[in-house]
């Protein structure tokens, strides 16, 4: 199963998202059943590998937690065709990995 590492976003908002994208990351969330688990930033190259992967389910490691997720949506810039934001749906509660 594909596993990707992501980082927690420390600041939220449009201006911070622009700075994150300039650094080669994409912003997004992990949610389930109406609850947002994490606000994330993920390397653009890692998101591209997810988009190219044939598997529906994969793992995202955030700090010491691992989420089994499914990609639910990606917002794409209308001119550059670069991903702007992603939504992952958590299929189960995260587990800790030490």
C-alpha atoms as a PDB file:
ATOM      1  CA  UNK A   1       0.000   0.000   0.000  1.00  0.00           C
ATOM      2  CA  UNK A   2       1.268   3.453  -0.906  1.00  0.00           C
ATOM      3  CA  UNK A   3       2.286   5.599   2.089  1.00  0.00           C
ATOM      4  CA  UNK A   4       2.860   9.348   1.902  1.00  0.00           C
ATOM      5  CA  UNK A   5       4.136  11.674   4.627  1.00  0.00           C
ATOM      6  CA  UNK A   6       2.428  15.017   5.205  1.00  0.00           C
ATOM      7  CA  UNK A   7       2.913  17.918   7.599  1.00  0.00           C
ATOM      8  CA  UNK A   8       0.382  19.724   9.774  1.00  0.00           C
ATOM      9  CA  UNK A   9      -0.313  23.300   8.696  1.00  0.00           C
ATOM     10  CA  UNK A  10       0.533  25.729  11.468  1.00  0.00           C
ATOM     11  CA  UNK A  11      -1.337  28.696   9.971  1.00  0.00           C
ATOM     12  CA  UNK A  12      -4.556  28.738   7.978  1.00  0.00           C
ATOM     13  CA  UNK A  13      -5.854  31.209   5.425  1.00  0.00           C
ATOM     14  CA  UNK A  14      -5.443  32.302   1.837  1.00  0.00           C
ATOM     15  CA  UNK A  15      -2.144  34.147   2.269  1.00  0.00           C
ATOM     16  CA  UNK A  16      -0.521  31.223   4.068  1.00  0.00           C
ATOM     17  CA  UNK A  17      -1.796  28.816   1.393  1.00  0.00           C
ATOM     18  CA  UNK A  18      -0.108  30.935  -1.292  1.00  0.00           C
ATOM     19  CA  UNK A  19       3.195  30.814   0.608  1.00  0.00           C
ATOM     20  CA  UNK A  20       2.885  27.045   1.000  1.00  0.00           C
ATOM     21  CA  UNK A  21       2.283  26.567  -2.741  1.00  0.00           C
ATOM     22  CA  UNK A  22       5.349  28.691  -3.571  1.00  0.00           C
ATOM     23  CA  UNK A  23       7.406  26.271  -1.450  1.00  0.00           C
ATOM     24  CA  UNK A  24       6.261  23.290  -3.575  1.00  0.00           C
ATOM     25  CA  UNK A  25       3.440  22.047  -1.325  1.00  0.00           C
ATOM     26  CA  UNK A  26      -0.318  21.663  -1.716  1.00  0.00           C
ATOM     27  CA  UNK A  27      -2.800  22.330   1.098  1.00  0.00           C
ATOM     28  CA  UNK A  28      -5.576  19.970   2.113  1.00  0.00           C
ATOM     29  CA  UNK A  29      -7.541  18.204   4.814  1.00  0.00           C
ATOM     30  CA  UNK A  30      -8.318  14.778   6.194  1.00  0.00           C
ATOM     31  CA  UNK A  31     -11.934  14.436   7.289  1.00  0.00           C
ATOM     32  CA  UNK A  32     -14.516  11.771   8.136  1.00  0.00           C
ATOM     33  CA  UNK A  33     -18.170  11.867   9.054  1.00  0.00           C
ATOM     34  CA  UNK A  34     -18.272  15.662   9.190  1.00  0.00           C
ATOM     35  CA  UNK A  35     -15.168  15.966  11.399  1.00  0.00           C
ATOM     36  CA  UNK A  36     -11.913  17.505  10.173  1.00  0.00           C
ATOM     37  CA  UNK A  37      -9.007  15.494  11.561  1.00  0.00           C
ATOM     38  CA  UNK A  38      -6.046  17.429  10.185  1.00  0.00           C
ATOM     39  CA  UNK A  39      -5.219  20.520   8.106  1.00  0.00           C
ATOM     40  CA  UNK A  40      -2.224  19.447   6.016  1.00  0.00           C
ATOM     41  CA  UNK A  41       0.427  20.412   3.556  1.00  0.00           C
ATOM     42  CA  UNK A  42       1.739  17.767   1.193  1.00  0.00           C
ATOM     43  CA  UNK A  43       4.593  17.904  -1.311  1.00  0.00           C
ATOM     44  CA  UNK A  44       3.300  18.462  -4.835  1.00  0.00           C
ATOM     45  CA  UNK A  45       5.342  15.484  -6.093  1.00  0.00           C
ATOM     46  CA  UNK A  46       3.679  13.215  -3.500  1.00  0.00           C
ATOM     47  CA  UNK A  47       0.199  14.370  -4.508  1.00  0.00           C
ATOM     48  CA  UNK A  48       1.078  13.735  -8.157  1.00  0.00           C
ATOM     49  CA  UNK A  49       2.145  10.179  -7.290  1.00  0.00           C
ATOM     50  CA  UNK A  50      -1.220   9.665  -5.547  1.00  0.00           C
ATOM     51  CA  UNK A  51      -3.056  10.951  -8.623  1.00  0.00           C
ATOM     52  CA  UNK A  52      -1.092   8.577 -10.883  1.00  0.00           C
ATOM     53  CA  UNK A  53      -1.448   5.567  -8.561  1.00  0.00           C
ATOM     54  CA  UNK A  54      -4.125   3.025  -9.442  1.00  0.00           C
ATOM     55  CA  UNK A  55      -4.959   2.222  -5.793  1.00  0.00           C
ATOM     56  CA  UNK A  56      -8.011   3.884  -4.264  1.00  0.00           C
ATOM     57  CA  UNK A  57      -6.815   3.495  -0.676  1.00  0.00           C
ATOM     58  CA  UNK A  58      -3.459   4.557   0.729  1.00  0.00           C
ATOM     59  CA  UNK A  59      -1.869   5.760   3.959  1.00  0.00           C
ATOM     60  CA  UNK A  60      -0.944   9.262   5.059  1.00  0.00           C
ATOM     61  CA  UNK A  61       1.510   9.647   7.927  1.00  0.00           C
ATOM     62  CA  UNK A  62       1.145  12.879   9.911  1.00  0.00           C
ATOM     63  CA  UNK A  63       3.485  13.270  12.897  1.00  0.00           C
ATOM     64  CA  UNK A  64       3.147   9.883  14.632  1.00  0.00           C
ATOM     65  CA  UNK A  65      -0.385   9.123  13.352  1.00  0.00           C
ATOM     66  CA  UNK A  66      -1.197   7.064  10.287  1.00  0.00           C
ATOM     67  CA  UNK A  67      -4.513   7.484   8.462  1.00  0.00           C
ATOM     68  CA  UNK A  68      -5.939   5.049   5.949  1.00  0.00           C
ATOM     69  CA  UNK A  69      -7.566   7.398   3.431  1.00  0.00           C
ATOM     70  CA  UNK A  70      -9.230   7.728   0.069  1.00  0.00           C
ATOM     71  CA  UNK A  71      -8.819  10.783  -2.170  1.00  0.00           C
ATOM     72  CA  UNK A  72     -12.199  12.527  -2.378  1.00  0.00           C
ATOM     73  CA  UNK A  73     -11.347  15.628  -4.361  1.00  0.00           C
ATOM     74  CA  UNK A  74      -8.676  17.868  -5.822  1.00  0.00           C
ATOM     75  CA  UNK A  75      -9.117  21.504  -6.807  1.00  0.00           C
ATOM     76  CA  UNK A  76      -7.104  22.358  -9.926  1.00  0.00           C
ATOM     77  CA  UNK A  77      -6.017  25.845 -10.998  1.00  0.00           C
ATOM     78  CA  UNK A  78      -7.957  26.679 -14.207  1.00  0.00           C
ATOM     79  CA  UNK A  79      -4.952  28.162 -16.048  1.00  0.00           C
ATOM     80  CA  UNK A  80      -1.880  26.301 -14.790  1.00  0.00           C
ATOM     81  CA  UNK A  81      -3.600  22.920 -14.169  1.00  0.00           C
ATOM     82  CA  UNK A  82      -1.654  22.599 -10.895  1.00  0.00           C
ATOM     83  CA  UNK A  83      -3.408  21.159  -7.828  1.00  0.00           C
ATOM     84  CA  UNK A  84      -4.474  23.836  -5.324  1.00  0.00           C
ATOM     85  CA  UNK A  85      -6.190  21.813  -2.592  1.00  0.00           C
ATOM     86  CA  UNK A  86      -7.043  18.194  -1.779  1.00  0.00           C
ATOM     87  CA  UNK A  87      -9.587  16.384   0.403  1.00  0.00           C
ATOM     88  CA  UNK A  88      -8.849  12.963   1.879  1.00  0.00           C
ATOM     89  CA  UNK A  89     -11.560  10.894   3.527  1.00  0.00           C
ATOM     90  CA  UNK A  90     -10.393   8.819   6.505  1.00  0.00           C
ATOM     91  CA  UNK A  91     -11.750   5.277   6.256  1.00  0.00           C
ATOM     92  CA  UNK A  92     -11.007   4.477   9.894  1.00  0.00           C
ATOM     93  CA  UNK A  93      -9.609   6.091  13.040  1.00  0.00           C
ATOM     94  CA  UNK A  94      -5.870   6.870  12.841  1.00  0.00           C
ATOM     95  CA  UNK A  95      -3.397   4.636  14.596  1.00  0.00           C
ATOM     96  CA  UNK A  96      -0.170   5.680  16.275  1.00  0.00           C
ATOM     97  CA  UNK A  97       3.203   4.678  14.950  1.00  0.00           C
ATOM     98  CA  UNK A  98       6.228   5.131  17.150  1.00  0.00           C
END
